[in-house]
Amino acid sequence: MDVSPRARLRRTAVGLLRLLVVLVRALTDPRLNLEATALVYRTLLSIVPLLAVSFSVLKAFGQPQGHGLGAIGFVALFYPVLQPRT
């Protein structure tokens, strides 16, 4: 299906206009600060169990409180998972 350059330009312009409308609505929303605060709260609540599990796994392998090579191995295990996509 061959799309003309004019139709492609129109589709791109409509997409950018929609993006602009969504962005303006989001930035003028009074609940934006509340949603950002909730996101930070949920993130912090998810980090605490991750740390608890990591310390228990390291303790099971005989590393006292995450010191030594066990901590390096644990970081190497989770680094590819937590790495941002490019």
N, C-alpha and C. Protein backbone atom coordinates (compact mmCIF):
# COMPACT_ATOMS: atom_id res chain seq x y z
N MET A 1 0.85 -1.17 0.00
CA MET A 1 0.00 0.00 0.00
C MET A 1 0.90 1.24 0.00
N ASP A 2 0.84 1.99 -1.07
CA ASP A 2 1.68 3.17 -1.23
C ASP A 2 0.93 4.39 -0.72
N VAL A 3 1.49 5.07 0.27
CA VAL A 3 0.86 6.25 0.84
C VAL A 3 1.57 7.49 0.30
N SER A 4 0.79 8.45 -0.13
CA SER A 4 1.39 9.65 -0.70
C SER A 4 2.08 10.47 0.39
N PRO A 5 3.06 11.27 0.00
CA PRO A 5 3.75 12.11 1.00
C PRO A 5 2.81 13.09 1.69
N ARG A 6 1.81 13.55 0.97
CA ARG A 6 0.86 14.49 1.58
C ARG A 6 0.03 13.81 2.68
N ALA A 7 -0.40 12.58 2.43
CA ALA A 7 -1.17 11.85 3.44
C ALA A 7 -0.29 11.53 4.64
N ARG A 8 0.96 11.19 4.40
CA ARG A 8 1.88 10.90 5.50
C ARG A 8 2.13 12.15 6.34
N LEU A 9 2.28 13.30 5.68
CA LEU A 9 2.48 14.56 6.38
C LEU A 9 1.25 14.92 7.21
N ARG A 10 0.08 14.70 6.65
CA ARG A 10 -1.16 15.00 7.39
C ARG A 10 -1.29 14.09 8.62
N ARG A 11 -0.98 12.80 8.44
CA ARG A 11 -1.06 11.87 9.56
C ARG A 11 -0.07 12.25 10.66
N THR A 12 1.13 12.67 10.29
CA THR A 12 2.13 13.09 11.26
C THR A 12 1.68 14.36 11.98
N ALA A 13 1.10 15.31 11.24
CA ALA A 13 0.63 16.55 11.85
C ALA A 13 -0.50 16.29 12.83
N VAL A 14 -1.42 15.40 12.46
CA VAL A 14 -2.53 15.07 13.37
C VAL A 14 -1.99 14.39 14.62
N GLY A 15 -1.02 13.50 14.48
CA GLY A 15 -0.42 12.84 15.63
C GLY A 15 0.28 13.82 16.56
N LEU A 16 1.00 14.77 15.99
CA LEU A 16 1.67 15.78 16.82
C LEU A 16 0.67 16.69 17.52
N LEU A 17 -0.41 17.01 16.82
CA LEU A 17 -1.45 17.84 17.44
C LEU A 17 -2.12 17.11 18.60
N ARG A 18 -2.39 15.83 18.42
CA ARG A 18 -2.96 15.03 19.52
C ARG A 18 -2.01 14.98 20.71
N LEU A 19 -0.72 14.79 20.42
CA LEU A 19 0.27 14.76 21.49
C LEU A 19 0.32 16.09 22.23
N LEU A 20 0.24 17.18 21.51
CA LEU A 20 0.25 18.50 22.13
C LEU A 20 -0.97 18.71 23.01
N VAL A 21 -2.14 18.28 22.54
CA VAL A 21 -3.36 18.41 23.33
C VAL A 21 -3.26 17.59 24.61
N VAL A 22 -2.78 16.37 24.52
CA VAL A 22 -2.63 15.52 25.71
C VAL A 22 -1.63 16.13 26.68
N LEU A 23 -0.53 16.67 26.16
CA LEU A 23 0.49 17.29 27.01
C LEU A 23 -0.06 18.51 27.74
N VAL A 24 -0.80 19.36 27.05
CA VAL A 24 -1.37 20.55 27.68
C VAL A 24 -2.39 20.16 28.74
N ARG A 25 -3.22 19.16 28.43
CA ARG A 25 -4.20 18.70 29.43
C ARG A 25 -3.51 18.14 30.67
N ALA A 26 -2.43 17.40 30.47
CA ALA A 26 -1.72 16.80 31.60
C ALA A 26 -1.04 17.86 32.45
N LEU A 27 -0.46 18.87 31.82
CA LEU A 27 0.25 19.90 32.58
C LEU A 27 -0.69 20.86 33.29
N THR A 28 -1.91 21.01 32.81
CA THR A 28 -2.87 21.89 33.48
C THR A 28 -3.74 21.14 34.48
N ASP A 29 -3.52 19.84 34.60
CA ASP A 29 -4.31 19.03 35.53
C ASP A 29 -3.86 19.32 36.96
N PRO A 30 -4.78 19.70 37.83
CA PRO A 30 -4.37 19.98 39.22
C PRO A 30 -3.96 18.72 39.99
N ARG A 31 -4.30 17.56 39.47
CA ARG A 31 -3.93 16.32 40.17
C ARG A 31 -2.55 15.82 39.80
N LEU A 32 -1.83 16.55 38.95
CA LEU A 32 -0.52 16.10 38.50
C LEU A 32 0.46 15.93 39.67
N ASN A 33 0.46 16.88 40.59
CA ASN A 33 1.35 16.80 41.75
C ASN A 33 0.98 15.60 42.63
N LEU A 34 -0.31 15.35 42.78
CA LEU A 34 -0.75 14.21 43.57
C LEU A 34 -0.32 12.89 42.93
N GLU A 35 -0.44 12.81 41.62
CA GLU A 35 -0.04 11.58 40.92
C GLU A 35 1.47 11.38 40.99
N ALA A 36 2.24 12.45 40.90
CA ALA A 36 3.69 12.34 41.01
C ALA A 36 4.09 11.88 42.41
N THR A 37 3.44 12.42 43.41
CA THR A 37 3.72 12.02 44.79
C THR A 37 3.37 10.55 45.01
N ALA A 38 2.26 10.11 44.45
CA ALA A 38 1.87 8.71 44.58
C ALA A 38 2.86 7.79 43.89
N LEU A 39 3.40 8.23 42.75
CA LEU A 39 4.39 7.42 42.05
C LEU A 39 5.67 7.27 42.87
N VAL A 40 6.12 8.35 43.49
CA VAL A 40 7.31 8.28 44.35
C VAL A 40 7.04 7.37 45.55
N TYR A 41 5.87 7.48 46.14
CA TYR A 41 5.51 6.66 47.30
C TYR A 41 5.52 5.18 46.93
N ARG A 42 4.90 4.84 45.80
CA ARG A 42 4.88 3.44 45.37
C ARG A 42 6.27 2.93 45.04
N THR A 43 7.10 3.78 44.46
CA THR A 43 8.46 3.37 44.14
C THR A 43 9.25 3.07 45.40
N LEU A 44 9.13 3.94 46.39
CA LEU A 44 9.85 3.71 47.64
C LEU A 44 9.34 2.46 48.35
N LEU A 45 8.03 2.23 48.28
CA LEU A 45 7.48 1.03 48.91
C LEU A 45 7.92 -0.24 48.19
N SER A 46 8.24 -0.15 46.94
CA SER A 46 8.69 -1.35 46.23
C SER A 46 10.18 -1.59 46.43
N ILE A 47 10.95 -0.56 46.77
CA ILE A 47 12.38 -0.73 46.98
C ILE A 47 12.66 -1.46 48.29
N VAL A 48 11.88 -1.20 49.31
CA VAL A 48 12.11 -1.81 50.63
C VAL A 48 12.02 -3.34 50.56
N PRO A 49 10.98 -3.92 49.96
CA PRO A 49 10.98 -5.40 49.86
C PRO A 49 12.12 -5.94 49.01
N LEU A 50 12.51 -5.21 47.96
CA LEU A 50 13.64 -5.64 47.13
C LEU A 50 14.92 -5.71 47.96
N LEU A 51 15.14 -4.70 48.78
CA LEU A 51 16.33 -4.71 49.64
C LEU A 51 16.27 -5.84 50.66
N ALA A 52 15.09 -6.08 51.21
CA ALA A 52 14.95 -7.17 52.19
C ALA A 52 15.25 -8.52 51.55
N VAL A 53 14.73 -8.74 50.36
CA VAL A 53 14.98 -10.00 49.67
C VAL A 53 16.45 -10.12 49.30
N SER A 54 17.05 -9.02 48.84
CA SER A 54 18.46 -9.09 48.45
C SER A 54 19.35 -9.40 49.64
N PHE A 55 19.09 -8.78 50.78
CA PHE A 55 19.91 -9.08 51.95
C PHE A 55 19.70 -10.50 52.44
N SER A 56 18.48 -11.02 52.34
CA SER A 56 18.25 -12.40 52.76
C SER A 56 18.93 -13.39 51.82
N VAL A 57 18.93 -13.10 50.52
CA VAL A 57 19.62 -13.97 49.57
C VAL A 57 21.12 -13.93 49.82
N LEU A 58 21.67 -12.76 50.04
CA LEU A 58 23.11 -12.65 50.31
C LEU A 58 23.47 -13.34 51.62
N LYS A 59 22.59 -13.25 52.61
CA LYS A 59 22.85 -13.91 53.88
C LYS A 59 22.81 -15.43 53.70
N ALA A 60 21.94 -15.91 52.82
CA ALA A 60 21.86 -17.34 52.56
C ALA A 60 23.14 -17.85 51.91
N PHE A 61 23.80 -17.00 51.15
CA PHE A 61 25.06 -17.38 50.54
C PHE A 61 26.26 -17.11 51.45
N GLY A 62 26.00 -16.67 52.67
CA GLY A 62 27.06 -16.51 53.64
C GLY A 62 27.74 -15.15 53.64
N GLN A 63 27.16 -14.17 52.98
CA GLN A 63 27.75 -12.83 52.96
C GLN A 63 27.10 -11.98 54.07
N PRO A 64 27.90 -11.41 54.98
CA PRO A 64 27.32 -10.61 56.06
C PRO A 64 26.86 -9.24 55.57
N GLN A 65 25.58 -9.03 55.57
CA GLN A 65 24.95 -7.75 55.25
C GLN A 65 25.38 -7.16 53.90
N GLY A 66 25.60 -8.01 52.92
CA GLY A 66 25.85 -7.54 51.56
C GLY A 66 27.28 -7.14 51.26
N HIS A 67 28.24 -7.47 52.11
CA HIS A 67 29.63 -7.11 51.85
C HIS A 67 30.30 -8.20 51.03
N GLY A 68 31.33 -7.83 50.33
CA GLY A 68 32.14 -8.81 49.63
C GLY A 68 31.67 -9.09 48.22
N LEU A 69 32.09 -10.24 47.72
CA LEU A 69 31.81 -10.60 46.34
C LEU A 69 30.34 -10.92 46.10
N GLY A 70 29.63 -11.32 47.13
CA GLY A 70 28.21 -11.62 46.96
C GLY A 70 27.42 -10.41 46.50
N ALA A 71 27.74 -9.24 47.03
CA ALA A 71 27.05 -8.01 46.63
C ALA A 71 27.34 -7.67 45.18
N ILE A 72 28.59 -7.87 44.77
CA ILE A 72 28.95 -7.59 43.38
C ILE A 72 28.21 -8.55 42.45
N GLY A 73 28.12 -9.80 42.84
CA GLY A 73 27.39 -10.78 42.03
C GLY A 73 25.91 -10.46 41.97
N PHE A 74 25.36 -10.00 43.07
CA PHE A 74 23.94 -9.66 43.10
C PHE A 74 23.65 -8.45 42.22
N VAL A 75 24.52 -7.46 42.25
CA VAL A 75 24.37 -6.29 41.38
C VAL A 75 24.51 -6.70 39.93
N ALA A 76 25.46 -7.57 39.63
CA ALA A 76 25.63 -8.04 38.27
C ALA A 76 24.42 -8.84 37.79
N LEU A 77 23.73 -9.49 38.71
CA LEU A 77 22.54 -10.25 38.36
C LEU A 77 21.39 -9.33 37.97
N PHE A 78 21.20 -8.23 38.70
CA PHE A 78 20.05 -7.36 38.46
C PHE A 78 20.36 -6.18 37.55
N TYR A 79 21.61 -5.90 37.25
CA TYR A 79 21.95 -4.74 36.41
C TYR A 79 21.30 -4.81 35.03
N PRO A 80 21.35 -5.94 34.32
CA PRO A 80 20.70 -5.96 33.00
C PRO A 80 19.18 -5.78 33.07
N VAL A 81 18.58 -6.22 34.15
CA VAL A 81 17.13 -6.09 34.29
C VAL A 81 16.72 -4.65 34.55
N LEU A 82 17.50 -3.95 35.36
CA LEU A 82 17.15 -2.59 35.75
C LEU A 82 17.70 -1.53 34.80
N GLN A 83 18.46 -1.94 33.81
CA GLN A 83 19.07 -1.00 32.86
C GLN A 83 17.99 -0.41 31.95
N PRO A 84 18.01 0.92 31.73
CA PRO A 84 17.00 1.52 30.86
C PRO A 84 17.20 1.08 29.41
N ARG A 85 16.10 0.96 28.70
CA ARG A 85 16.18 0.56 27.29
C ARG A 85 16.58 1.75 26.43
N THR A 86 17.39 1.46 25.44
CA THR A 86 17.82 2.53 24.52
C THR A 86 17.28 2.28 23.14
